[in-house]
Amino acid sequence: MILTFFNLGTAEIIILVVVILLLFGGKKIPELMKGIGKGIRGFREGMNEINDEIKGSVKENNDKN
């Protein structure tokens, strides 16, 4: 989906992967992906907490009326 937005072809993707491997090395990439995964997980948990708070306040307002 994102790749189609930037209109990237197979050759461009391969070049990007090679550049990333050269910059970070094979050992750093799993650590980088692990950090990104933790960040995304934390973001989702925060969003779920906000949704729960909103649903709880709506339920409280409905119970009062």
PDB file of N, CA and C in Angstrom:
ATOM      1  N   MET A   1       0.842  -1.186   0.000  1.00  0.00           N
ATOM      2  CA  MET A   1       0.000   0.000   0.000  1.00  0.00           C
ATOM      3  C   MET A   1       0.886   1.248   0.000  1.00  0.00           C
ATOM      4  N   ILE A   2       1.812   1.323   0.928  1.00  0.00           N
ATOM      5  CA  ILE A   2       2.703   2.483   0.982  1.00  0.00           C
ATOM      6  C   ILE A   2       3.620   2.493  -0.230  1.00  0.00           C
ATOM      7  N   LEU A   3       4.055   1.296  -0.639  1.00  0.00           N
ATOM      8  CA  LEU A   3       4.957   1.230  -1.783  1.00  0.00           C
ATOM      9  C   LEU A   3       4.277   1.699  -3.061  1.00  0.00           C
ATOM     10  N   THR A   4       2.987   1.430  -3.208  1.00  0.00           N
ATOM     11  CA  THR A   4       2.297   1.900  -4.394  1.00  0.00           C
ATOM     12  C   THR A   4       2.113   3.418  -4.350  1.00  0.00           C
ATOM     13  N   PHE A   5       2.037   3.970  -3.141  1.00  0.00           N
ATOM     14  CA  PHE A   5       1.906   5.417  -3.003  1.00  0.00           C
ATOM     15  C   PHE A   5       3.156   6.119  -3.526  1.00  0.00           C
ATOM     16  N   PHE A   6       4.309   5.559  -3.229  1.00  0.00           N
ATOM     17  CA  PHE A   6       5.562   6.162  -3.692  1.00  0.00           C
ATOM     18  C   PHE A   6       5.935   5.693  -5.088  1.00  0.00           C
ATOM     19  N   ASN A   7       5.130   4.795  -5.644  1.00  0.00           N
ATOM     20  CA  ASN A   7       5.340   4.304  -7.000  1.00  0.00           C
ATOM     21  C   ASN A   7       6.707   3.638  -7.148  1.00  0.00           C
ATOM     22  N   LEU A   8       7.057   2.773  -6.188  1.00  0.00           N
ATOM     23  CA  LEU A   8       8.332   2.084  -6.206  1.00  0.00           C
ATOM     24  C   LEU A   8       8.209   0.771  -6.959  1.00  0.00           C
ATOM     25  N   GLY A   9       9.201   0.499  -7.792  1.00  0.00           N
ATOM     26  CA  GLY A   9       9.254  -0.754  -8.516  1.00  0.00           C
ATOM     27  C   GLY A   9      10.178  -1.734  -7.819  1.00  0.00           C
ATOM     28  N   THR A  10      10.335  -2.898  -8.409  1.00  0.00           N
ATOM     29  CA  THR A  10      11.166  -3.944  -7.828  1.00  0.00           C
ATOM     30  C   THR A  10      12.622  -3.497  -7.721  1.00  0.00           C
ATOM     31  N   ALA A  11      13.130  -2.858  -8.741  1.00  0.00           N
ATOM     32  CA  ALA A  11      14.524  -2.425  -8.725  1.00  0.00           C
ATOM     33  C   ALA A  11      14.779  -1.410  -7.611  1.00  0.00           C
ATOM     34  N   GLU A  12      13.878  -0.481  -7.430  1.00  0.00           N
ATOM     35  CA  GLU A  12      14.043   0.523  -6.377  1.00  0.00           C
ATOM     36  C   GLU A  12      14.005  -0.103  -4.990  1.00  0.00           C
ATOM     37  N   ILE A  13      13.123  -1.084  -4.816  1.00  0.00           N
ATOM     38  CA  ILE A  13      13.029  -1.762  -3.518  1.00  0.00           C
ATOM     39  C   ILE A  13      14.317  -2.522  -3.224  1.00  0.00           C
ATOM     40  N   ILE A  14      14.867  -3.197  -4.222  1.00  0.00           N
ATOM     41  CA  ILE A  14      16.124  -3.932  -4.037  1.00  0.00           C
ATOM     42  C   ILE A  14      17.248  -2.970  -3.686  1.00  0.00           C
ATOM     43  N   ILE A  15      17.314  -1.837  -4.352  1.00  0.00           N
ATOM     44  CA  ILE A  15      18.349  -0.840  -4.053  1.00  0.00           C
ATOM     45  C   ILE A  15      18.183  -0.325  -2.623  1.00  0.00           C
ATOM     46  N   LEU A  16      16.963  -0.058  -2.198  1.00  0.00           N
ATOM     47  CA  LEU A  16      16.722   0.396  -0.827  1.00  0.00           C
ATOM     48  C   LEU A  16      17.166  -0.646   0.190  1.00  0.00           C
ATOM     49  N   VAL A  17      16.866  -1.909  -0.055  1.00  0.00           N
ATOM     50  CA  VAL A  17      17.263  -2.973   0.871  1.00  0.00           C
ATOM     51  C   VAL A  17      18.777  -3.062   0.963  1.00  0.00           C
ATOM     52  N   VAL A  18      19.464  -2.970  -0.158  1.00  0.00           N
ATOM     53  CA  VAL A  18      20.934  -3.032  -0.164  1.00  0.00           C
ATOM     54  C   VAL A  18      21.516  -1.844   0.594  1.00  0.00           C
ATOM     55  N   VAL A  19      20.976  -0.656   0.380  1.00  0.00           N
ATOM     56  CA  VAL A  19      21.475   0.534   1.076  1.00  0.00           C
ATOM     57  C   VAL A  19      21.249   0.399   2.579  1.00  0.00           C
ATOM     58  N   ILE A  20      20.085  -0.091   2.971  1.00  0.00           N
ATOM     59  CA  ILE A  20      19.796  -0.273   4.395  1.00  0.00           C
ATOM     60  C   ILE A  20      20.757  -1.289   5.003  1.00  0.00           C
ATOM     61  N   LEU A  21      21.025  -2.376   4.280  1.00  0.00           N
ATOM     62  CA  LEU A  21      21.981  -3.367   4.776  1.00  0.00           C
ATOM     63  C   LEU A  21      23.372  -2.769   4.930  1.00  0.00           C
ATOM     64  N   LEU A  22      23.771  -1.940   3.988  1.00  0.00           N
ATOM     65  CA  LEU A  22      25.092  -1.312   4.076  1.00  0.00           C
ATOM     66  C   LEU A  22      25.173  -0.328   5.238  1.00  0.00           C
ATOM     67  N   LEU A  23      24.099   0.425   5.461  1.00  0.00           N
ATOM     68  CA  LEU A  23      24.116   1.427   6.529  1.00  0.00           C
ATOM     69  C   LEU A  23      24.063   0.812   7.919  1.00  0.00           C
ATOM     70  N   PHE A  24      23.174  -0.159   8.114  1.00  0.00           N
ATOM     71  CA  PHE A  24      22.943  -0.692   9.455  1.00  0.00           C
ATOM     72  C   PHE A  24      23.669  -2.005   9.714  1.00  0.00           C
ATOM     73  N   GLY A  25      23.970  -2.753   8.695  1.00  0.00           N
ATOM     74  CA  GLY A  25      24.595  -4.057   8.889  1.00  0.00           C
ATOM     75  C   GLY A  25      23.555  -5.115   9.218  1.00  0.00           C
ATOM     76  N   GLY A  26      23.930  -6.353   9.019  1.00  0.00           N
ATOM     77  CA  GLY A  26      23.005  -7.463   9.225  1.00  0.00           C
ATOM     78  C   GLY A  26      22.615  -7.668  10.673  1.00  0.00           C
ATOM     79  N   LYS A  27      23.473  -7.295  11.604  1.00  0.00           N
ATOM     80  CA  LYS A  27      23.202  -7.539  13.016  1.00  0.00           C
ATOM     81  C   LYS A  27      22.310  -6.459  13.624  1.00  0.00           C
ATOM     82  N   LYS A  28      22.347  -5.268  13.089  1.00  0.00           N
ATOM     83  CA  LYS A  28      21.566  -4.168  13.666  1.00  0.00           C
ATOM     84  C   LYS A  28      20.118  -4.153  13.198  1.00  0.00           C
ATOM     85  N   ILE A  29      19.834  -4.733  12.055  1.00  0.00           N
ATOM     86  CA  ILE A  29      18.481  -4.675  11.501  1.00  0.00           C
ATOM     87  C   ILE A  29      17.463  -5.371  12.406  1.00  0.00           C
ATOM     88  N   PRO A  30      17.729  -6.579  12.942  1.00  0.00           N
ATOM     89  CA  PRO A  30      16.739  -7.176  13.857  1.00  0.00           C
ATOM     90  C   PRO A  30      16.492  -6.314  15.099  1.00  0.00           C
ATOM     91  N   GLU A  31      17.530  -5.683  15.620  1.00  0.00           N
ATOM     92  CA  GLU A  31      17.364  -4.795  16.770  1.00  0.00           C
ATOM     93  C   GLU A  31      16.502  -3.593  16.404  1.00  0.00           C
ATOM     94  N   LEU A  32      16.723  -3.056  15.225  1.00  0.00           N
ATOM     95  CA  LEU A  32      15.941  -1.926  14.744  1.00  0.00           C
ATOM     96  C   LEU A  32      14.473  -2.304  14.588  1.00  0.00           C
ATOM     97  N   MET A  33      14.210  -3.462  13.995  1.00  0.00           N
ATOM     98  CA  MET A  33      12.837  -3.920  13.803  1.00  0.00           C
ATOM     99  C   MET A  33      12.163  -4.204  15.150  1.00  0.00           C
ATOM    100  N   LYS A  34      12.918  -4.737  16.098  1.00  0.00           N
ATOM    101  CA  LYS A  34      12.371  -5.003  17.435  1.00  0.00           C
ATOM    102  C   LYS A  34      11.947  -3.690  18.093  1.00  0.00           C
ATOM    103  N   GLY A  35      12.777  -2.657  17.969  1.00  0.00           N
ATOM    104  CA  GLY A  35      12.440  -1.352  18.533  1.00  0.00           C
ATOM    105  C   GLY A  35      11.224  -0.741  17.875  1.00  0.00           C
ATOM    106  N   ILE A  36      11.128  -0.877  16.567  1.00  0.00           N
ATOM    107  CA  ILE A  36       9.963  -0.353  15.849  1.00  0.00           C
ATOM    108  C   ILE A  36       8.704  -1.108  16.282  1.00  0.00           C
ATOM    109  N   GLY A  37       8.814  -2.427  16.444  1.00  0.00           N
ATOM    110  CA  GLY A  37       7.674  -3.232  16.881  1.00  0.00           C
ATOM    111  C   GLY A  37       7.188  -2.822  18.262  1.00  0.00           C
ATOM    112  N   LYS A  38       8.128  -2.551  19.180  1.00  0.00           N
ATOM    113  CA  LYS A  38       7.747  -2.112  20.522  1.00  0.00           C
ATOM    114  C   LYS A  38       7.058  -0.753  20.472  1.00  0.00           C
ATOM    115  N   GLY A  39       7.541   0.124  19.605  1.00  0.00           N
ATOM    116  CA  GLY A  39       6.920   1.436  19.469  1.00  0.00           C
ATOM    117  C   GLY A  39       5.505   1.346  18.941  1.00  0.00           C
ATOM    118  N   ILE A  40       5.296   0.511  17.950  1.00  0.00           N
ATOM    119  CA  ILE A  40       3.960   0.331  17.380  1.00  0.00           C
ATOM    120  C   ILE A  40       3.029  -0.296  18.408  1.00  0.00           C
ATOM    121  N   ARG A  41       3.535  -1.285  19.154  1.00  0.00           N
ATOM    122  CA  ARG A  41       2.720  -1.931  20.181  1.00  0.00           C
ATOM    123  C   ARG A  41       2.317  -0.929  21.259  1.00  0.00           C
ATOM    124  N   GLY A  42       3.243  -0.086  21.666  1.00  0.00           N
ATOM    125  CA  GLY A  42       2.923   0.935  22.668  1.00  0.00           C
ATOM    126  C   GLY A  42       1.891   1.926  22.158  1.00  0.00           C
ATOM    127  N   PHE A  43       2.001   2.297  20.895  1.00  0.00           N
ATOM    128  CA  PHE A  43       1.038   3.214  20.288  1.00  0.00           C
ATOM    129  C   PHE A  43      -0.356   2.596  20.275  1.00  0.00           C
ATOM    130  N   ARG A  44      -0.444   1.329  19.885  1.00  0.00           N
ATOM    131  CA  ARG A  44      -1.749   0.650  19.846  1.00  0.00           C
ATOM    132  C   ARG A  44      -2.353   0.542  21.234  1.00  0.00           C
ATOM    133  N   GLU A  45      -1.512   0.232  22.236  1.00  0.00           N
ATOM    134  CA  GLU A  45      -2.022   0.142  23.604  1.00  0.00           C
ATOM    135  C   GLU A  45      -2.561   1.492  24.068  1.00  0.00           C
ATOM    136  N   GLY A  46      -1.870   2.557  23.720  1.00  0.00           N
ATOM    137  CA  GLY A  46      -2.344   3.895  24.064  1.00  0.00           C
ATOM    138  C   GLY A  46      -3.659   4.223  23.400  1.00  0.00           C
ATOM    139  N   MET A  47      -3.793   3.854  22.146  1.00  0.00           N
ATOM    140  CA  MET A  47      -5.045   4.091  21.427  1.00  0.00           C
ATOM    141  C   MET A  47      -6.189   3.297  22.053  1.00  0.00           C
ATOM    142  N   ASN A  48      -5.917   2.044  22.451  1.00  0.00           N
ATOM    143  CA  ASN A  48      -6.953   1.229  23.094  1.00  0.00           C
ATOM    144  C   ASN A  48      -7.364   1.832  24.430  1.00  0.00           C
ATOM    145  N   GLU A  49      -6.416   2.365  25.184  1.00  0.00           N
ATOM    146  CA  GLU A  49      -6.746   3.003  26.465  1.00  0.00           C
ATOM    147  C   GLU A  49      -7.639   4.224  26.252  1.00  0.00           C
ATOM    148  N   ILE A  50      -7.326   5.005  25.248  1.00  0.00           N
ATOM    149  CA  ILE A  50      -8.140   6.191  24.950  1.00  0.00           C
ATOM    150  C   ILE A  50      -9.551   5.772  24.553  1.00  0.00           C
ATOM    151  N   ASN A  51      -9.660   4.748  23.704  1.00  0.00           N
ATOM    152  CA  ASN A  51     -10.981   4.266  23.294  1.00  0.00           C
ATOM    153  C   ASN A  51     -11.773   3.755  24.485  1.00  0.00           C
ATOM    154  N   ASP A  52     -11.109   3.036  25.398  1.00  0.00           N
ATOM    155  CA  ASP A  52     -11.795   2.538  26.595  1.00  0.00           C
ATOM    156  C   ASP A  52     -12.284   3.685  27.468  1.00  0.00           C
ATOM    157  N   GLU A  53     -11.475   4.726  27.613  1.00  0.00           N
ATOM    158  CA  GLU A  53     -11.885   5.885  28.412  1.00  0.00           C
ATOM    159  C   GLU A  53     -13.086   6.581  27.789  1.00  0.00           C
ATOM    160  N   ILE A  54     -13.071   6.719  26.482  1.00  0.00           N
ATOM    161  CA  ILE A  54     -14.186   7.371  25.793  1.00  0.00           C
ATOM    162  C   ILE A  54     -15.458   6.547  25.953  1.00  0.00           C
ATOM    163  N   LYS A  55     -15.343   5.233  25.743  1.00  0.00           N
ATOM    164  CA  LYS A  55     -16.514   4.364  25.887  1.00  0.00           C
ATOM    165  C   LYS A  55     -17.032   4.380  27.321  1.00  0.00           C
ATOM    166  N   GLY A  56     -16.115   4.426  28.300  1.00  0.00           N
ATOM    167  CA  GLY A  56     -16.525   4.474  29.701  1.00  0.00           C
ATOM    168  C   GLY A  56     -17.259   5.753  30.037  1.00  0.00           C
ATOM    169  N   SER A  57     -16.789   6.895  29.510  1.00  0.00           N
ATOM    170  CA  SER A  57     -17.455   8.160  29.801  1.00  0.00           C
ATOM    171  C   SER A  57     -18.811   8.238  29.108  1.00  0.00           C
ATOM    172  N   VAL A  58     -18.915   7.673  27.920  1.00  0.00           N
ATOM    173  CA  VAL A  58     -20.202   7.654  27.224  1.00  0.00           C
ATOM    174  C   VAL A  58     -21.185   6.783  27.997  1.00  0.00           C
ATOM    175  N   LYS A  59     -20.707   5.652  28.496  1.00  0.00           N
ATOM    176  CA  LYS A  59     -21.574   4.761  29.262  1.00  0.00           C
ATOM    177  C   LYS A  59     -22.033   5.433  30.551  1.00  0.00           C
ATOM    178  N   GLU A  60     -21.139   6.165  31.213  1.00  0.00           N
ATOM    179  CA  GLU A  60     -21.513   6.886  32.436  1.00  0.00           C
ATOM    180  C   GLU A  60     -22.574   7.942  32.135  1.00  0.00           C
ATOM    181  N   ASN A  61     -22.413   8.657  31.032  1.00  0.00           N
ATOM    182  CA  ASN A  61     -23.403   9.672  30.652  1.00  0.00           C
ATOM    183  C   ASN A  61     -24.751   9.037  30.341  1.00  0.00           C
ATOM    184  N   ASN A  62     -24.754   7.880  29.696  1.00  0.00           N
ATOM    185  CA  ASN A  62     -26.004   7.188  29.380  1.00  0.00           C
ATOM    186  C   ASN A  62     -26.666   6.669  30.641  1.00  0.00           C
ATOM    187  N   ASP A  63     -25.873   6.216  31.609  1.00  0.00           N
ATOM    188  CA  ASP A  63     -26.429   5.722  32.864  1.00  0.00           C
ATOM    189  C   ASP A  63     -27.058   6.839  33.693  1.00  0.00           C
ATOM    190  N   LYS A  64     -26.501   8.035  33.610  1.00  0.00           N
ATOM    191  CA  LYS A  64     -27.023   9.190  34.365  1.00  0.00           C
ATOM    192  C   LYS A  64     -28.366   9.641  33.811  1.00  0.00           C
ATOM    193  N   ASN A  65     -28.544   9.505  32.503  1.00  0.00           N
ATOM    194  CA  ASN A  65     -29.777   9.965  31.850  1.00  0.00           C
ATOM    195  C   ASN A  65     -30.784   8.910  31.917  1.00  0.00           C
TER     196      ASN A  65
END
